[in-house]
Amino acid sequence: MTAVVANFINILATVLFFAIFIRALMSWFVPQDSTGISRVLSDITEPIVGPIRRVLPSVGGIDFSPWVAMILIQVVSHVAISFLTSSSA
């Protein structure tokens, strides 16, 4: 059972990571598109990136909150998976 939960956490973290990454890339090329894939990515990632953006100031007009969110997603998922796999042993 813990392997299923660990796999789910891994998949969820990967999907969120790439959603944030693609949204950040799209913001450079299509900054104000509020339709289609851009809107879906925004709906998925804003609950994660938004709070970080409110705390982390932009530096020189560059928003680092997506990158911080991606790092946090990786760290939290690795810690959760490590905890799950070590507790099941």
PDB file of N, CA and C in Angstrom:
ATOM      1  N   MET A   1       0.812  -1.195   0.000  1.00  0.00           N
ATOM      2  CA  MET A   1       0.000   0.000   0.000  1.00  0.00           C
ATOM      3  C   MET A   1       0.862   1.268   0.000  1.00  0.00           C
ATOM      4  N   THR A   2       1.963   1.244   0.752  1.00  0.00           N
ATOM      5  CA  THR A   2       2.813   2.434   0.789  1.00  0.00           C
ATOM      6  C   THR A   2       3.477   2.679  -0.558  1.00  0.00           C
ATOM      7  N   ALA A   3       3.723   1.615  -1.317  1.00  0.00           N
ATOM      8  CA  ALA A   3       4.309   1.793  -2.644  1.00  0.00           C
ATOM      9  C   ALA A   3       3.342   2.519  -3.566  1.00  0.00           C
ATOM     10  N   VAL A   4       2.057   2.250  -3.421  1.00  0.00           N
ATOM     11  CA  VAL A   4       1.047   2.925  -4.233  1.00  0.00           C
ATOM     12  C   VAL A   4       0.992   4.404  -3.879  1.00  0.00           C
ATOM     13  N   VAL A   5       1.015   4.709  -2.594  1.00  0.00           N
ATOM     14  CA  VAL A   5       0.982   6.105  -2.149  1.00  0.00           C
ATOM     15  C   VAL A   5       2.251   6.820  -2.582  1.00  0.00           C
ATOM     16  N   ALA A   6       3.386   6.185  -2.442  1.00  0.00           N
ATOM     17  CA  ALA A   6       4.652   6.787  -2.862  1.00  0.00           C
ATOM     18  C   ALA A   6       4.658   7.038  -4.364  1.00  0.00           C
ATOM     19  N   ASN A   7       4.127   6.112  -5.132  1.00  0.00           N
ATOM     20  CA  ASN A   7       4.051   6.284  -6.576  1.00  0.00           C
ATOM     21  C   ASN A   7       3.113   7.436  -6.930  1.00  0.00           C
ATOM     22  N   PHE A   8       1.989   7.545  -6.220  1.00  0.00           N
ATOM     23  CA  PHE A   8       1.058   8.644  -6.452  1.00  0.00           C
ATOM     24  C   PHE A   8       1.715   9.990  -6.157  1.00  0.00           C
ATOM     25  N   ILE A   9       2.433  10.070  -5.045  1.00  0.00           N
ATOM     26  CA  ILE A   9       3.127  11.316  -4.686  1.00  0.00           C
ATOM     27  C   ILE A   9       4.153  11.667  -5.759  1.00  0.00           C
ATOM     28  N   ASN A  10       4.872  10.677  -6.242  1.00  0.00           N
ATOM     29  CA  ASN A  10       5.876  10.905  -7.275  1.00  0.00           C
ATOM     30  C   ASN A  10       5.231  11.428  -8.563  1.00  0.00           C
ATOM     31  N   ILE A  11       4.131  10.809  -8.976  1.00  0.00           N
ATOM     32  CA  ILE A  11       3.444  11.249 -10.193  1.00  0.00           C
ATOM     33  C   ILE A  11       2.871  12.653 -10.011  1.00  0.00           C
ATOM     34  N   LEU A  12       2.243  12.913  -8.888  1.00  0.00           N
ATOM     35  CA  LEU A  12       1.678  14.234  -8.613  1.00  0.00           C
ATOM     36  C   LEU A  12       2.759  15.309  -8.617  1.00  0.00           C
ATOM     37  N   ALA A  13       3.889  15.032  -7.980  1.00  0.00           N
ATOM     38  CA  ALA A  13       4.990  15.992  -7.941  1.00  0.00           C
ATOM     39  C   ALA A  13       5.543  16.248  -9.336  1.00  0.00           C
ATOM     40  N   THR A  14       5.651  15.203 -10.141  1.00  0.00           N
ATOM     41  CA  THR A  14       6.165  15.360 -11.508  1.00  0.00           C
ATOM     42  C   THR A  14       5.209  16.200 -12.357  1.00  0.00           C
ATOM     43  N   VAL A  15       3.918  15.925 -12.257  1.00  0.00           N
ATOM     44  CA  VAL A  15       2.927  16.690 -13.026  1.00  0.00           C
ATOM     45  C   VAL A  15       2.941  18.157 -12.603  1.00  0.00           C
ATOM     46  N   LEU A  16       2.971  18.415 -11.303  1.00  0.00           N
ATOM     47  CA  LEU A  16       3.017  19.798 -10.829  1.00  0.00           C
ATOM     48  C   LEU A  16       4.301  20.498 -11.260  1.00  0.00           C
ATOM     49  N   PHE A  17       5.416  19.795 -11.171  1.00  0.00           N
ATOM     50  CA  PHE A  17       6.698  20.364 -11.566  1.00  0.00           C
ATOM     51  C   PHE A  17       6.649  20.818 -13.020  1.00  0.00           C
ATOM     52  N   PHE A  18       6.202  19.924 -13.905  1.00  0.00           N
ATOM     53  CA  PHE A  18       6.174  20.270 -15.326  1.00  0.00           C
ATOM     54  C   PHE A  18       5.098  21.298 -15.652  1.00  0.00           C
ATOM     55  N   ALA A  19       3.990  21.293 -14.924  1.00  0.00           N
ATOM     56  CA  ALA A  19       2.963  22.314 -15.140  1.00  0.00           C
ATOM     57  C   ALA A  19       3.509  23.701 -14.809  1.00  0.00           C
ATOM     58  N   ILE A  20       4.230  23.806 -13.700  1.00  0.00           N
ATOM     59  CA  ILE A  20       4.828  25.093 -13.321  1.00  0.00           C
ATOM     60  C   ILE A  20       5.910  25.481 -14.311  1.00  0.00           C
ATOM     61  N   PHE A  21       6.714  24.525 -14.725  1.00  0.00           N
ATOM     62  CA  PHE A  21       7.785  24.806 -15.682  1.00  0.00           C
ATOM     63  C   PHE A  21       7.220  25.302 -17.012  1.00  0.00           C
ATOM     64  N   ILE A  22       6.209  24.633 -17.519  1.00  0.00           N
ATOM     65  CA  ILE A  22       5.609  25.042 -18.796  1.00  0.00           C
ATOM     66  C   ILE A  22       4.935  26.398 -18.657  1.00  0.00           C
ATOM     67  N   ARG A  23       4.270  26.635 -17.530  1.00  0.00           N
ATOM     68  CA  ARG A  23       3.640  27.944 -17.312  1.00  0.00           C
ATOM     69  C   ARG A  23       4.680  29.054 -17.279  1.00  0.00           C
ATOM     70  N   ALA A  24       5.803  28.801 -16.635  1.00  0.00           N
ATOM     71  CA  ALA A  24       6.860  29.812 -16.585  1.00  0.00           C
ATOM     72  C   ALA A  24       7.415  30.084 -17.981  1.00  0.00           C
ATOM     73  N   LEU A  25       7.635  29.038 -18.756  1.00  0.00           N
ATOM     74  CA  LEU A  25       8.118  29.236 -20.125  1.00  0.00           C
ATOM     75  C   LEU A  25       7.106  29.982 -20.979  1.00  0.00           C
ATOM     76  N   MET A  26       5.842  29.616 -20.848  1.00  0.00           N
ATOM     77  CA  MET A  26       4.805  30.286 -21.632  1.00  0.00           C
ATOM     78  C   MET A  26       4.675  31.761 -21.260  1.00  0.00           C
ATOM     79  N   SER A  27       4.978  32.111 -20.022  1.00  0.00           N
ATOM     80  CA  SER A  27       4.858  33.508 -19.609  1.00  0.00           C
ATOM     81  C   SER A  27       5.868  34.400 -20.333  1.00  0.00           C
ATOM     82  N   TRP A  28       6.945  33.818 -20.820  1.00  0.00           N
ATOM     83  CA  TRP A  28       7.926  34.592 -21.581  1.00  0.00           C
ATOM     84  C   TRP A  28       7.445  34.850 -23.002  1.00  0.00           C
ATOM     85  N   PHE A  29       6.673  33.912 -23.554  1.00  0.00           N
ATOM     86  CA  PHE A  29       6.281  34.007 -24.952  1.00  0.00           C
ATOM     87  C   PHE A  29       4.846  34.481 -25.148  1.00  0.00           C
ATOM     88  N   VAL A  30       3.933  34.087 -24.265  1.00  0.00           N
ATOM     89  CA  VAL A  30       2.531  34.482 -24.358  1.00  0.00           C
ATOM     90  C   VAL A  30       2.097  34.981 -22.977  1.00  0.00           C
ATOM     91  N   PRO A  31       2.517  36.193 -22.589  1.00  0.00           N
ATOM     92  CA  PRO A  31       2.335  36.613 -21.203  1.00  0.00           C
ATOM     93  C   PRO A  31       0.886  36.840 -20.770  1.00  0.00           C
ATOM     94  N   GLN A  32      -0.031  37.239 -21.635  1.00  0.00           N
ATOM     95  CA  GLN A  32      -1.388  37.571 -21.211  1.00  0.00           C
ATOM     96  C   GLN A  32      -2.451  36.673 -21.819  1.00  0.00           C
ATOM     97  N   ASP A  33      -2.111  35.483 -22.235  1.00  0.00           N
ATOM     98  CA  ASP A  33      -3.080  34.565 -22.808  1.00  0.00           C
ATOM     99  C   ASP A  33      -3.900  33.945 -21.685  1.00  0.00           C
ATOM    100  N   SER A  34      -5.213  34.188 -21.690  1.00  0.00           N
ATOM    101  CA  SER A  34      -6.063  33.635 -20.632  1.00  0.00           C
ATOM    102  C   SER A  34      -7.030  32.601 -21.182  1.00  0.00           C
ATOM    103  N   THR A  35      -6.650  31.942 -22.260  1.00  0.00           N
ATOM    104  CA  THR A  35      -7.506  30.907 -22.829  1.00  0.00           C
ATOM    105  C   THR A  35      -6.712  29.613 -22.988  1.00  0.00           C
ATOM    106  N   GLY A  36      -7.428  28.528 -23.171  1.00  0.00           N
ATOM    107  CA  GLY A  36      -6.792  27.253 -23.482  1.00  0.00           C
ATOM    108  C   GLY A  36      -5.859  26.739 -22.421  1.00  0.00           C
ATOM    109  N   ILE A  37      -4.723  26.234 -22.891  1.00  0.00           N
ATOM    110  CA  ILE A  37      -3.762  25.561 -22.022  1.00  0.00           C
ATOM    111  C   ILE A  37      -3.189  26.511 -20.971  1.00  0.00           C
ATOM    112  N   SER A  38      -3.046  27.768 -21.317  1.00  0.00           N
ATOM    113  CA  SER A  38      -2.516  28.746 -20.363  1.00  0.00           C
ATOM    114  C   SER A  38      -3.437  28.882 -19.154  1.00  0.00           C
ATOM    115  N   ARG A  39      -4.731  28.889 -19.394  1.00  0.00           N
ATOM    116  CA  ARG A  39      -5.701  29.011 -18.308  1.00  0.00           C
ATOM    117  C   ARG A  39      -5.707  27.748 -17.439  1.00  0.00           C
ATOM    118  N   VAL A  40      -5.621  26.593 -18.061  1.00  0.00           N
ATOM    119  CA  VAL A  40      -5.580  25.330 -17.320  1.00  0.00           C
ATOM    120  C   VAL A  40      -4.332  25.272 -16.437  1.00  0.00           C
ATOM    121  N   LEU A  41      -3.191  25.643 -17.015  1.00  0.00           N
ATOM    122  CA  LEU A  41      -1.943  25.637 -16.239  1.00  0.00           C
ATOM    123  C   LEU A  41      -2.022  26.626 -15.079  1.00  0.00           C
ATOM    124  N   SER A  42      -2.619  27.771 -15.325  1.00  0.00           N
ATOM    125  CA  SER A  42      -2.767  28.767 -14.269  1.00  0.00           C
ATOM    126  C   SER A  42      -3.665  28.243 -13.151  1.00  0.00           C
ATOM    127  N   ASP A  43      -4.770  27.598 -13.513  1.00  0.00           N
ATOM    128  CA  ASP A  43      -5.674  27.052 -12.499  1.00  0.00           C
ATOM    129  C   ASP A  43      -5.006  25.963 -11.666  1.00  0.00           C
ATOM    130  N   ILE A  44      -4.146  25.169 -12.292  1.00  0.00           N
ATOM    131  CA  ILE A  44      -3.467  24.082 -11.586  1.00  0.00           C
ATOM    132  C   ILE A  44      -2.351  24.607 -10.684  1.00  0.00           C
ATOM    133  N   THR A  45      -1.587  25.576 -11.167  1.00  0.00           N
ATOM    134  CA  THR A  45      -0.370  25.981 -10.462  1.00  0.00           C
ATOM    135  C   THR A  45      -0.532  27.175  -9.531  1.00  0.00           C
ATOM    136  N   GLU A  46      -1.535  27.990  -9.731  1.00  0.00           N
ATOM    137  CA  GLU A  46      -1.670  29.202  -8.915  1.00  0.00           C
ATOM    138  C   GLU A  46      -1.815  28.922  -7.420  1.00  0.00           C
ATOM    139  N   PRO A  47      -2.529  27.865  -6.993  1.00  0.00           N
ATOM    140  CA  PRO A  47      -2.585  27.595  -5.546  1.00  0.00           C
ATOM    141  C   PRO A  47      -1.217  27.308  -4.928  1.00  0.00           C
ATOM    142  N   ILE A  48      -0.258  26.906  -5.729  1.00  0.00           N
ATOM    143  CA  ILE A  48       1.085  26.633  -5.223  1.00  0.00           C
ATOM    144  C   ILE A  48       1.985  27.853  -5.378  1.00  0.00           C
ATOM    145  N   VAL A  49       1.949  28.468  -6.549  1.00  0.00           N
ATOM    146  CA  VAL A  49       2.852  29.581  -6.857  1.00  0.00           C
ATOM    147  C   VAL A  49       2.377  30.886  -6.206  1.00  0.00           C
ATOM    148  N   GLY A  50       1.069  31.075  -6.113  1.00  0.00           N
ATOM    149  CA  GLY A  50       0.515  32.318  -5.585  1.00  0.00           C
ATOM    150  C   GLY A  50       1.010  32.700  -4.195  1.00  0.00           C
ATOM    151  N   PRO A  51       0.918  31.794  -3.213  1.00  0.00           N
ATOM    152  CA  PRO A  51       1.412  32.140  -1.873  1.00  0.00           C
ATOM    153  C   PRO A  51       2.915  32.440  -1.839  1.00  0.00           C
ATOM    154  N   ILE A  52       3.673  31.730  -2.650  1.00  0.00           N
ATOM    155  CA  ILE A  52       5.115  31.990  -2.707  1.00  0.00           C
ATOM    156  C   ILE A  52       5.356  33.364  -3.320  1.00  0.00           C
ATOM    157  N   ARG A  53       4.597  33.716  -4.341  1.00  0.00           N
ATOM    158  CA  ARG A  53       4.734  35.011  -4.998  1.00  0.00           C
ATOM    159  C   ARG A  53       4.428  36.159  -4.040  1.00  0.00           C
ATOM    160  N   ARG A  54       3.455  35.944  -3.132  1.00  0.00           N
ATOM    161  CA  ARG A  54       3.112  36.997  -2.165  1.00  0.00           C
ATOM    162  C   ARG A  54       4.232  37.226  -1.153  1.00  0.00           C
ATOM    163  N   VAL A  55       4.987  36.172  -0.848  1.00  0.00           N
ATOM    164  CA  VAL A  55       6.062  36.274   0.146  1.00  0.00           C
ATOM    165  C   VAL A  55       7.384  36.687  -0.490  1.00  0.00           C
ATOM    166  N   LEU A  56       7.671  36.152  -1.658  1.00  0.00           N
ATOM    167  CA  LEU A  56       8.956  36.361  -2.328  1.00  0.00           C
ATOM    168  C   LEU A  56       8.863  37.559  -3.273  1.00  0.00           C
ATOM    169  N   PRO A  57       9.627  38.604  -3.020  1.00  0.00           N
ATOM    170  CA  PRO A  57       9.565  39.762  -3.927  1.00  0.00           C
ATOM    171  C   PRO A  57      10.261  39.462  -5.250  1.00  0.00           C
ATOM    172  N   SER A  58       9.774  40.095  -6.314  1.00  0.00           N
ATOM    173  CA  SER A  58      10.451  39.938  -7.599  1.00  0.00           C
ATOM    174  C   SER A  58      11.734  40.761  -7.576  1.00  0.00           C
ATOM    175  N   VAL A  59      12.733  40.267  -8.258  1.00  0.00           N
ATOM    176  CA  VAL A  59      14.041  40.925  -8.289  1.00  0.00           C
ATOM    177  C   VAL A  59      14.283  41.403  -9.710  1.00  0.00           C
ATOM    178  N   GLY A  60      14.355  42.698  -9.895  1.00  0.00           N
ATOM    179  CA  GLY A  60      14.603  43.246 -11.222  1.00  0.00           C
ATOM    180  C   GLY A  60      13.504  42.902 -12.215  1.00  0.00           C
ATOM    181  N   GLY A  61      12.276  42.769 -11.733  1.00  0.00           N
ATOM    182  CA  GLY A  61      11.164  42.426 -12.605  1.00  0.00           C
ATOM    183  C   GLY A  61      11.060  40.950 -12.935  1.00  0.00           C
ATOM    184  N   ILE A  62      11.901  40.119 -12.324  1.00  0.00           N
ATOM    185  CA  ILE A  62      11.880  38.675 -12.577  1.00  0.00           C
ATOM    186  C   ILE A  62      11.202  37.993 -11.393  1.00  0.00           C
ATOM    187  N   ASP A  63      10.211  37.185 -11.700  1.00  0.00           N
ATOM    188  CA  ASP A  63       9.463  36.447 -10.684  1.00  0.00           C
ATOM    189  C   ASP A  63      10.118  35.086 -10.484  1.00  0.00           C
ATOM    190  N   PHE A  64      10.707  34.893  -9.316  1.00  0.00           N
ATOM    191  CA  PHE A  64      11.377  33.629  -9.017  1.00  0.00           C
ATOM    192  C   PHE A  64      10.466  32.620  -8.322  1.00  0.00           C
ATOM    193  N   SER A  65       9.212  32.978  -8.080  1.00  0.00           N
ATOM    194  CA  SER A  65       8.318  32.079  -7.353  1.00  0.00           C
ATOM    195  C   SER A  65       8.086  30.744  -8.061  1.00  0.00           C
ATOM    196  N   PRO A  66       8.002  30.673  -9.400  1.00  0.00           N
ATOM    197  CA  PRO A  66       7.860  29.347 -10.009  1.00  0.00           C
ATOM    198  C   PRO A  66       9.059  28.440  -9.733  1.00  0.00           C
ATOM    199  N   TRP A  67      10.232  29.000  -9.744  1.00  0.00           N
ATOM    200  CA  TRP A  67      11.439  28.190  -9.515  1.00  0.00           C
ATOM    201  C   TRP A  67      11.517  27.724  -8.072  1.00  0.00           C
ATOM    202  N   VAL A  68      11.117  28.607  -7.144  1.00  0.00           N
ATOM    203  CA  VAL A  68      11.085  28.213  -5.733  1.00  0.00           C
ATOM    204  C   VAL A  68      10.040  27.121  -5.529  1.00  0.00           C
ATOM    205  N   ALA A  69       8.894  27.269  -6.178  1.00  0.00           N
ATOM    206  CA  ALA A  69       7.840  26.255  -6.062  1.00  0.00           C
ATOM    207  C   ALA A  69       8.308  24.909  -6.601  1.00  0.00           C
ATOM    208  N   MET A  70       9.014  24.915  -7.714  1.00  0.00           N
ATOM    209  CA  MET A  70       9.499  23.657  -8.281  1.00  0.00           C
ATOM    210  C   MET A  70      10.500  22.979  -7.349  1.00  0.00           C
ATOM    211  N   ILE A  71      11.370  23.766  -6.738  1.00  0.00           N
ATOM    212  CA  ILE A  71      12.341  23.208  -5.787  1.00  0.00           C
ATOM    213  C   ILE A  71      11.616  22.641  -4.570  1.00  0.00           C
ATOM    214  N   LEU A  72      10.640  23.391  -4.048  1.00  0.00           N
ATOM    215  CA  LEU A  72       9.886  22.924  -2.880  1.00  0.00           C
ATOM    216  C   LEU A  72       9.102  21.650  -3.183  1.00  0.00           C
ATOM    217  N   ILE A  73       8.515  21.564  -4.359  1.00  0.00           N
ATOM    218  CA  ILE A  73       7.784  20.356  -4.742  1.00  0.00           C
ATOM    219  C   ILE A  73       8.717  19.154  -4.739  1.00  0.00           C
ATOM    220  N   GLN A  74       9.907  19.323  -5.299  1.00  0.00           N
ATOM    221  CA  GLN A  74      10.861  18.213  -5.332  1.00  0.00           C
ATOM    222  C   GLN A  74      11.303  17.813  -3.927  1.00  0.00           C
ATOM    223  N   VAL A  75      11.602  18.784  -3.092  1.00  0.00           N
ATOM    224  CA  VAL A  75      12.072  18.488  -1.732  1.00  0.00           C
ATOM    225  C   VAL A  75      10.971  17.802  -0.927  1.00  0.00           C
ATOM    226  N   VAL A  76       9.763  18.361  -0.959  1.00  0.00           N
ATOM    227  CA  VAL A  76       8.664  17.794  -0.178  1.00  0.00           C
ATOM    228  C   VAL A  76       8.318  16.386  -0.659  1.00  0.00           C
ATOM    229  N   SER A  77       8.305  16.180  -1.971  1.00  0.00           N
ATOM    230  CA  SER A  77       7.969  14.844  -2.471  1.00  0.00           C
ATOM    231  C   SER A  77       9.044  13.826  -2.095  1.00  0.00           C
ATOM    232  N   HIS A  78      10.309  14.214  -2.182  1.00  0.00           N
ATOM    233  CA  HIS A  78      11.380  13.286  -1.806  1.00  0.00           C
ATOM    234  C   HIS A  78      11.338  12.959  -0.310  1.00  0.00           C
ATOM    235  N   VAL A  79      11.057  13.952   0.514  1.00  0.00           N
ATOM    236  CA  VAL A  79      10.962  13.709   1.957  1.00  0.00           C
ATOM    237  C   VAL A  79       9.768  12.808   2.259  1.00  0.00           C
ATOM    238  N   ALA A  80       8.616  13.080   1.637  1.00  0.00           N
ATOM    239  CA  ALA A  80       7.432  12.254   1.863  1.00  0.00           C
ATOM    240  C   ALA A  80       7.645  10.824   1.406  1.00  0.00           C
ATOM    241  N   ILE A  81       8.250  10.636   0.248  1.00  0.00           N
ATOM    242  CA  ILE A  81       8.494   9.288  -0.254  1.00  0.00           C
ATOM    243  C   ILE A  81       9.511   8.568   0.618  1.00  0.00           C
ATOM    244  N   SER A  82      10.542   9.273   1.060  1.00  0.00           N
ATOM    245  CA  SER A  82      11.533   8.661   1.960  1.00  0.00           C
ATOM    246  C   SER A  82      10.882   8.246   3.281  1.00  0.00           C
ATOM    247  N   PHE A  83      10.019   9.097   3.796  1.00  0.00           N
ATOM    248  CA  PHE A  83       9.321   8.774   5.041  1.00  0.00           C
ATOM    249  C   PHE A  83       8.430   7.554   4.864  1.00  0.00           C
ATOM    250  N   LEU A  84       7.695   7.504   3.758  1.00  0.00           N
ATOM    251  CA  LEU A  84       6.814   6.365   3.504  1.00  0.00           C
ATOM    252  C   LEU A  84       7.584   5.059   3.342  1.00  0.00           C
ATOM    253  N   THR A  85       8.666   5.109   2.572  1.00  0.00           N
ATOM    254  CA  THR A  85       9.409   3.876   2.315  1.00  0.00           C
ATOM    255  C   THR A  85      10.195   3.417   3.548  1.00  0.00           C
ATOM    256  N   SER A  86      10.659   4.366   4.379  1.00  0.00           N
ATOM    257  CA  SER A  86      11.396   3.961   5.584  1.00  0.00           C
ATOM    258  C   SER A  86      10.456   3.454   6.660  1.00  0.00           C
ATOM    259  N   SER A  87       9.244   3.982   6.715  1.00  0.00           N
ATOM    260  CA  SER A  87       8.301   3.523   7.742  1.00  0.00           C
ATOM    261  C   SER A  87       7.692   2.167   7.420  1.00  0.00           C
ATOM    262  N   SER A  88       7.731   1.780   6.142  1.00  0.00           N
ATOM    263  CA  SER A  88       7.155   0.495   5.762  1.00  0.00           C
ATOM    264  C   SER A  88       8.170  -0.642   5.888  1.00  0.00           C
ATOM    265  N   ALA A  89       9.431  -0.314   6.087  1.00  0.00           N
ATOM    266  CA  ALA A  89      10.458  -1.352   6.165  1.00  0.00           C
ATOM    267  C   ALA A  89      10.511  -2.022   7.508  1.00  0.00           C
TER     268      ALA A  89
END
